[in-house]
C-alpha atoms as a PDB file:
ATOM      1  CA  MET A   1      10.145-160.721  49.792  1.00  0.00           C
ATOM      2  CA  LEU A   2      11.382-157.384  48.477  1.00  0.00           C
ATOM      3  CA  SER A   3      14.854-158.817  47.863  1.00  0.00           C
ATOM      4  CA  ALA A   4      13.330-161.762  46.010  1.00  0.00           C
ATOM      5  CA  VAL A   5      11.767-159.415  43.451  1.00  0.00           C
ATOM      6  CA  GLY A   6      14.972-157.455  42.878  1.00  0.00           C
ATOM      7  CA  HIS A   7      14.975-154.673  45.465  1.00  0.00           C
ATOM      8  CA  THR A   8      18.055-153.995  47.551  1.00  0.00           C
ATOM      9  CA  VAL A   9      16.945-153.988  51.178  1.00  0.00           C
ATOM     10  CA  GLN A  10      18.624-152.659  54.310  1.00  0.00           C
ATOM     11  CA  VAL A  11      16.948-153.073  57.706  1.00  0.00           C
ATOM     12  CA  GLU A  12      17.469-151.132  60.908  1.00  0.00           C
ATOM     13  CA  ASP A  13      15.887-152.110  64.206  1.00  0.00           C
ATOM     14  CA  SER A  14      15.615-148.628  65.697  1.00  0.00           C
ATOM     15  CA  SER A  15      15.004-145.058  64.648  1.00  0.00           C
ATOM     16  CA  MET A  16      18.395-143.962  65.924  1.00  0.00           C
ATOM     17  CA  ALA A  17      20.142-146.693  63.909  1.00  0.00           C
ATOM     18  CA  ALA A  18      18.287-145.557  60.792  1.00  0.00           C
ATOM     19  CA  LEU A  19      19.319-141.954  61.409  1.00  0.00           C
ATOM     20  CA  ARG A  20      22.957-143.018  61.796  1.00  0.00           C
ATOM     21  CA  ARG A  21      22.823-145.057  58.561  1.00  0.00           C
ATOM     22  CA  VAL A  22      21.479-142.209  56.432  1.00  0.00           C
ATOM     23  CA  GLN A  23      24.456-140.077  57.392  1.00  0.00           C
ATOM     24  CA  THR A  24      26.589-142.276  55.104  1.00  0.00           C
ATOM     25  CA  GLU A  25      24.129-144.051  52.776  1.00  0.00           C
ATOM     26  CA  GLY A  26      21.344-142.839  50.508  1.00  0.00           C
ATOM     27  CA  PHE A  27      18.132-144.643  49.619  1.00  0.00           C
ATOM     28  CA  ASP A  28      15.371-144.173  47.037  1.00  0.00           C
ATOM     29  CA  VAL A  29      12.641-145.386  49.408  1.00  0.00           C
ATOM     30  CA  CYS A  30      12.277-145.709  53.173  1.00  0.00           C
ATOM     31  CA  LEU A  31       9.556-147.935  54.640  1.00  0.00           C
ATOM     32  CA  LEU A  32       8.794-146.753  58.160  1.00  0.00           C
ATOM     33  CA  ASP A  33       6.488-148.090  60.813  1.00  0.00           C
ATOM     34  CA  ILE A  34       4.571-145.369  62.635  1.00  0.00           C
ATOM     35  CA  GLY A  35       4.513-147.075  66.034  1.00  0.00           C
ATOM     36  CA  LEU A  36       8.199-147.299  66.872  1.00  0.00           C
ATOM     37  CA  PRO A  37       9.490-147.692  70.429  1.00  0.00           C
ATOM     38  CA  ASP A  38      12.207-145.033  70.487  1.00  0.00           C
ATOM     39  CA  MET A  39      10.676-142.346  68.252  1.00  0.00           C
ATOM     40  CA  ASP A  40       7.405-142.503  66.363  1.00  0.00           C
ATOM     41  CA  GLY A  41       7.436-142.676  62.591  1.00  0.00           C
ATOM     42  CA  HIS A  42       6.137-139.129  62.248  1.00  0.00           C
ATOM     43  CA  GLN A  43       9.126-137.787  64.171  1.00  0.00           C
ATOM     44  CA  LEU A  44      11.500-140.076  62.281  1.00  0.00           C
ATOM     45  CA  VAL A  45      10.316-139.018  58.834  1.00  0.00           C
ATOM     46  CA  GLY A  46      10.844-135.383  59.803  1.00  0.00           C
ATOM     47  CA  ARG A  47      14.401-136.125  60.854  1.00  0.00           C
ATOM     48  CA  LEU A  48      15.032-138.188  57.702  1.00  0.00           C
ATOM     49  CA  ARG A  49      13.790-135.311  55.522  1.00  0.00           C
ATOM     50  CA  MET A  50      16.612-133.214  57.024  1.00  0.00           C
ATOM     51  CA  ALA A  51      19.288-135.812  56.110  1.00  0.00           C
ATOM     52  CA  PRO A  52      20.796-134.810  52.743  1.00  0.00           C
ATOM     53  CA  LEU A  53      21.260-138.385  51.445  1.00  0.00           C
ATOM     54  CA  VAL A  54      17.563-139.280  51.857  1.00  0.00           C
ATOM     55  CA  ALA A  55      15.821-135.889  51.913  1.00  0.00           C
ATOM     56  CA  GLY A  56      14.273-136.563  48.493  1.00  0.00           C
ATOM     57  CA  ALA A  57      13.542-140.254  49.034  1.00  0.00           C
ATOM     58  CA  ALA A  58      10.027-141.623  48.903  1.00  0.00           C
ATOM     59  CA  MET A  59       8.894-142.198  52.485  1.00  0.00           C
ATOM     60  CA  ILE A  60       6.225-144.862  52.939  1.00  0.00           C
ATOM     61  CA  ALA A  61       4.380-145.120  56.243  1.00  0.00           C
ATOM     62  CA  LEU A  62       3.358-148.593  57.405  1.00  0.00           C
ATOM     63  CA  SER A  63       0.701-148.417  60.074  1.00  0.00           C
ATOM     64  CA  GLY A  64      -2.107-150.289  61.709  1.00  0.00           C
ATOM     65  CA  TYR A  65      -3.982-146.983  61.704  1.00  0.00           C
ATOM     66  CA  GLY A  66      -5.854-146.289  58.482  1.00  0.00           C
ATOM     67  CA  GLN A  67      -8.500-143.687  59.267  1.00  0.00           C
ATOM     68  CA  PRO A  68      -8.567-140.475  57.197  1.00  0.00           C
ATOM     69  CA  GLN A  69      -7.038-138.506  60.090  1.00  0.00           C
ATOM     70  CA  ASP A  70      -4.167-141.030  60.267  1.00  0.00           C
ATOM     71  CA  MET A  71      -3.470-140.633  56.552  1.00  0.00           C
ATOM     72  CA  ALA A  72      -3.614-136.838  56.888  1.00  0.00           C
ATOM     73  CA  ALA A  73      -1.177-136.930  59.828  1.00  0.00           C
ATOM     74  CA  SER A  74       1.260-138.998  57.773  1.00  0.00           C
ATOM     75  CA  LYS A  75       1.077-136.564  54.890  1.00  0.00           C
ATOM     76  CA  ARG A  76       1.655-133.586  57.228  1.00  0.00           C
ATOM     77  CA  ALA A  77       4.648-135.385  58.752  1.00  0.00           C
ATOM     78  CA  GLY A  78       6.302-135.767  55.322  1.00  0.00           C
ATOM     79  CA  PHE A  79       5.341-139.229  54.120  1.00  0.00           C
ATOM     80  CA  THR A  80       4.902-139.832  50.410  1.00  0.00           C
ATOM     81  CA  ARG A  81       2.430-142.701  50.917  1.00  0.00           C
ATOM     82  CA  HIS A  82       0.600-144.397  53.794  1.00  0.00           C
ATOM     83  CA  LEU A  83      -0.104-148.133  53.677  1.00  0.00           C
ATOM     84  CA  VAL A  84      -2.203-149.909  56.275  1.00  0.00           C
ATOM     85  CA  LYS A  85      -0.979-153.125  57.909  1.00  0.00           C
ATOM     86  CA  PRO A  86      -1.217-155.883  57.189  1.00  0.00           C
ATOM     87  CA  VAL A  87       0.174-154.534  53.935  1.00  0.00           C
ATOM     88  CA  ASP A  88      -1.117-156.057  50.728  1.00  0.00           C
ATOM     89  CA  VAL A  89       2.070-157.262  48.993  1.00  0.00           C
ATOM     90  CA  GLY A  90       0.730-156.523  45.523  1.00  0.00           C
ATOM     91  CA  LYS A  91      -0.131-152.969  46.535  1.00  0.00           C
ATOM     92  CA  LEU A  92       3.291-152.433  48.115  1.00  0.00           C
ATOM     93  CA  LEU A  93       5.049-153.694  44.980  1.00  0.00           C
ATOM     94  CA  ALA A  94       2.866-151.466  42.792  1.00  0.00           C
ATOM     95  CA  VAL A  95       3.710-148.426  44.940  1.00  0.00           C
ATOM     96  CA  LEU A  96       7.427-149.259  44.788  1.00  0.00           C
ATOM     97  CA  ASP A  97       7.213-149.611  41.001  1.00  0.00           C
ATOM     98  CA  GLN A  98       5.638-146.140  40.817  1.00  0.00           C
ATOM     99  CA  LEU A  99       8.177-144.529  43.128  1.00  0.00           C
ATOM    100  CA  THR A 100      11.473-146.075  42.063  1.00  0.00           C
ATOM    101  CA  PRO A 101      13.371-145.627  38.810  1.00  0.00           C
ATOM    102  CA  PRO A 102      13.671-148.634  36.484  1.00  0.00           C
ATOM    103  CA  ALA A 103      16.898-150.629  36.864  1.00  0.00           C
ATOM    104  CA  SER A 104      18.165-149.406  33.484  1.00  0.00           C
ATOM    105  CA  ALA A 105      17.949-145.799  34.706  1.00  0.00           C
ATOM    106  CA  ILE A 106      20.149-146.644  37.698  1.00  0.00           C
ATOM    107  CA  ASP A 107      23.004-148.200  35.701  1.00  0.00           C
END
């Protein structure tokens, strides 16, 4: 869906794979699930914030947990935004529009 509306998308199936990728590639936005099998999203975002190529990227948490304490934990961990699953597509696109530069600014 994100590709269909013009976003370039890269997917990794593990936290460790994502950490390896950001050693050689930078991204404007990282969408991260909180409940990951090998490292939770809070730990992952902390590690990503230390990677020079993505340290300043917008980090969006995707989680089934949406209580105020969950949102606060995401913010403390280093997330820019916290969206609750199932994610409303319109809301996700609106957040991405706010956080990413227009295509003309990238060229």
